Protein backbone atom coordinates (compact mmCIF):
# COMPACT_ATOMS: atom_id res chain seq x y z
CA MET A 1 -1.45 5.29 3.82
CA LEU A 2 1.18 4.92 6.51
CA LEU A 3 -0.64 1.83 7.78
CA LEU A 4 -0.64 0.38 4.28
CA SER A 5 3.13 0.85 4.11
CA TYR A 6 3.50 -0.71 7.55
CA PHE A 7 1.45 -3.69 6.37
CA GLY A 8 3.81 -4.07 3.43
CA ILE A 9 6.84 -4.17 5.69
CA LEU A 10 5.19 -6.74 7.95
CA PHE A 11 4.22 -8.78 4.90
CA GLY A 12 7.86 -8.75 3.76
CA VAL A 13 8.98 -9.87 7.22
CA LEU A 14 6.37 -12.63 7.13
CA LEU A 15 7.60 -13.80 3.72
CA PHE A 16 11.17 -13.75 5.02
CA ALA A 17 10.21 -15.82 8.10
CA TRP A 18 8.30 -18.31 5.96
CA LYS A 19 11.22 -18.63 3.55
CA ARG A 20 13.73 -19.02 6.43
CA CYS A 21 11.61 -21.76 8.03
CA GLY A 22 11.24 -23.64 4.76
CA ILE A 23 7.54 -22.89 4.30
CA ASP A 24 6.59 -22.81 0.62
CA TYR A 25 4.81 -19.46 0.57
CA THR A 26 4.65 -19.52 -3.23
CA ALA A 27 2.30 -22.52 -3.09
CA ILE A 28 0.31 -21.15 -0.16
CA LEU A 29 -0.23 -17.69 -1.66
CA GLY A 30 -0.35 -18.88 -5.26
CA VAL A 31 2.41 -16.54 -6.46
CA ASP A 32 5.30 -17.06 -8.86
CA GLY A 33 8.43 -17.88 -6.86
CA GLY A 34 10.66 -16.31 -9.48
CA ARG A 35 8.89 -12.96 -9.24
CA THR A 36 8.02 -12.72 -5.55
CA ASN A 37 10.97 -11.37 -3.66
CA VAL A 38 11.16 -10.43 0.01
CA HIS A 39 13.73 -7.71 -0.64
CA ALA A 40 11.55 -5.89 -3.19
CA VAL A 41 8.51 -6.02 -0.88
CA VAL A 42 10.43 -4.57 2.08
CA ARG A 43 12.23 -1.94 0.00
CA ALA A 44 9.03 -0.77 -1.72
CA SER A 45 7.18 -0.63 1.60
CA THR A 46 9.90 1.34 3.35
CA SER A 47 10.03 3.75 0.40
CA LEU A 48 6.29 4.26 0.65
CA MET A 49 6.54 4.72 4.41
CA GLY A 50 9.18 7.41 3.97
CA LEU A 51 7.07 9.17 1.36
CA ASN A 52 3.94 9.07 3.51
CA PHE A 53 5.75 10.09 6.67
CA SER A 54 7.25 13.08 4.85
CA ALA A 55 3.79 14.13 3.67
CA PHE A 56 2.47 13.73 7.24
CA VAL A 57 5.26 15.92 8.66
CA LEU A 58 4.65 18.58 6.01
CA TYR A 59 0.91 18.47 6.76
CA TRP A 60 1.61 18.91 10.46
CA LEU A 61 3.95 21.82 9.73
CA ALA A 62 1.27 23.34 7.50
CA LEU A 63 -1.25 23.13 10.35
CA LEU A 64 1.25 25.09 12.45
CA ARG A 65 1.47 27.58 9.55
CA ILE A 66 5.19 26.94 9.04
CA VAL A 67 4.71 25.71 5.45
CA PRO A 68 1.80 26.56 3.12
CA HIS A 69 -0.96 24.46 1.58
CA ALA A 70 -2.15 22.18 4.37
CA HIS A 71 -4.76 20.63 2.09
CA ALA A 72 -2.18 19.53 -0.49
CA TRP A 73 -0.06 17.21 1.67
CA PRO A 74 -2.62 14.44 2.34
CA ALA A 75 -3.60 14.50 -1.32
CA SER A 76 0.05 14.32 -2.36
CA ALA A 77 0.60 11.30 -0.10
CA LEU A 78 -2.36 9.51 -1.68
CA LEU A 79 -1.50 10.43 -5.25
CA LEU A 80 2.21 9.63 -4.94
CA THR A 81 1.41 6.29 -3.30
CA LEU A 82 -1.00 5.40 -6.09
CA ALA A 83 1.52 6.51 -8.71
CA TYR A 84 4.22 4.38 -7.07
CA LEU A 85 1.98 1.32 -6.87
CA LEU A 86 0.52 1.68 -10.37
CA TRP A 87 3.78 2.58 -12.14
CA PRO A 88 4.04 0.00 -14.95
CA PHE A 89 7.86 -0.17 -15.02
CA ASP A 90 10.36 -1.77 -12.67
CA HIS A 91 11.88 0.43 -9.98
CA MET A 92 14.14 -2.46 -9.07
CA ALA A 93 14.58 -4.47 -12.27
CA GLU A 94 16.68 -7.19 -10.64
CA TRP A 95 13.65 -8.13 -8.51
CA SER A 96 10.84 -7.70 -11.09
CA ASP A 97 8.93 -5.40 -8.78
CA ALA A 98 6.48 -4.24 -11.47
CA ALA A 99 5.27 -7.84 -11.83
CA GLN A 100 4.94 -8.11 -8.04
CA ARG A 101 2.90 -4.92 -7.88
CA ALA A 102 0.70 -6.20 -10.72
CA ASP A 103 0.17 -9.49 -8.86
CA CYS A 104 -0.74 -7.56 -5.72
CA ALA A 105 -3.21 -5.40 -7.67
CA ARG A 106 -4.81 -8.51 -9.17
CA CYS A 107 -5.13 -10.04 -5.70
CA VAL A 108 -6.76 -6.89 -4.30
CA GLY A 109 -9.04 -6.86 -7.35
CA ARG A 110 -10.08 -10.46 -6.59
CA VAL A 111 -10.83 -9.37 -3.01
CA LEU A 112 -13.01 -6.50 -4.24
CA LEU A 113 -14.81 -8.84 -6.64
CA ALA A 114 -15.29 -11.61 -4.06
CA GLY A 115 -18.32 -13.68 -4.87
CA LEU A 116 -17.97 -12.98 -8.58
CA VAL A 117 -14.56 -14.59 -9.10
CA PRO A 118 -12.99 -17.74 -7.61
CA THR A 119 -11.50 -17.20 -4.17
CA THR A 120 -7.97 -18.29 -3.36
CA PHE A 121 -6.10 -18.46 -0.08
CA ALA A 122 -4.12 -15.37 -1.13
CA SER A 123 -7.29 -13.34 -1.66
CA SER A 124 -8.68 -14.54 1.67
CA PHE A 125 -5.38 -13.59 3.33
CA VAL A 126 -5.47 -10.08 1.82
CA ALA A 127 -9.17 -9.68 2.64
CA ASP A 128 -8.48 -10.58 6.26
CA ILE A 129 -5.73 -7.96 6.43
CA LEU A 130 -7.93 -5.29 4.83
CA THR A 131 -10.83 -5.97 7.18
CA SER A 132 -8.44 -5.73 10.11
CA MET A 133 -7.44 -2.20 9.10
CA PRO A 134 -10.59 -0.04 9.25
CA LYS A 135 -8.54 2.96 10.41
CA LEU A 136 -6.93 3.12 6.97
CA PHE A 137 -10.27 3.51 5.24
CA ILE A 138 -11.61 5.99 7.80
CA ASP A 139 -8.50 8.17 7.30
CA LEU A 140 -8.91 7.94 3.54
CA LEU A 141 -12.55 8.97 3.79
CA GLN A 142 -11.67 11.87 6.08
CA ALA A 143 -8.97 13.08 3.69
CA VAL A 144 -11.38 13.01 0.75
CA VAL A 145 -14.09 14.85 2.69
CA GLN A 146 -11.63 17.49 3.90
CA ARG A 147 -10.38 18.01 0.37
CA GLN A 148 -13.92 18.38 -0.98
CA GLU A 149 -14.85 20.85 1.75
CA TYR A 150 -11.72 22.88 1.05
CA ALA A 151 -12.44 22.85 -2.69
CA ALA A 152 -16.01 24.01 -2.03
CA GLY A 153 -14.69 26.89 0.06
CA GLU A 154 -16.06 25.68 3.39
CA HIS A 155 -12.78 25.93 5.28
């Protein structure tokens, strides 16, 4: 999840660089220029990074037996990240961040349904990023397996 947050920050920096250089990223990515805001992307990503880093530190401290419930911290990072991303209301109303998150979810949905829906440059861009981050999915799989083993009593 930390890598996903890092990707968000880099995406915000990329949007900022494109905007600064006069590149029309709204046409390239097929997004609404009134709703896509660099500031909201960077702020949301840094918030997620702080949340995930805190969960990682608590997990590490739990492994050292300083805090309890080692199994809960990776799950909390995943659940809080999903809750943050899927929250239907604006966290930052001046930047319409709920609409941006919805656009991002639609784009990821188009990536997952590739071959069944028309492909855009934005979905190809996101698919390229996702295929470049296999560590994210391996960590997610490991967290799910560890949680299932713990729930089954095999710890």
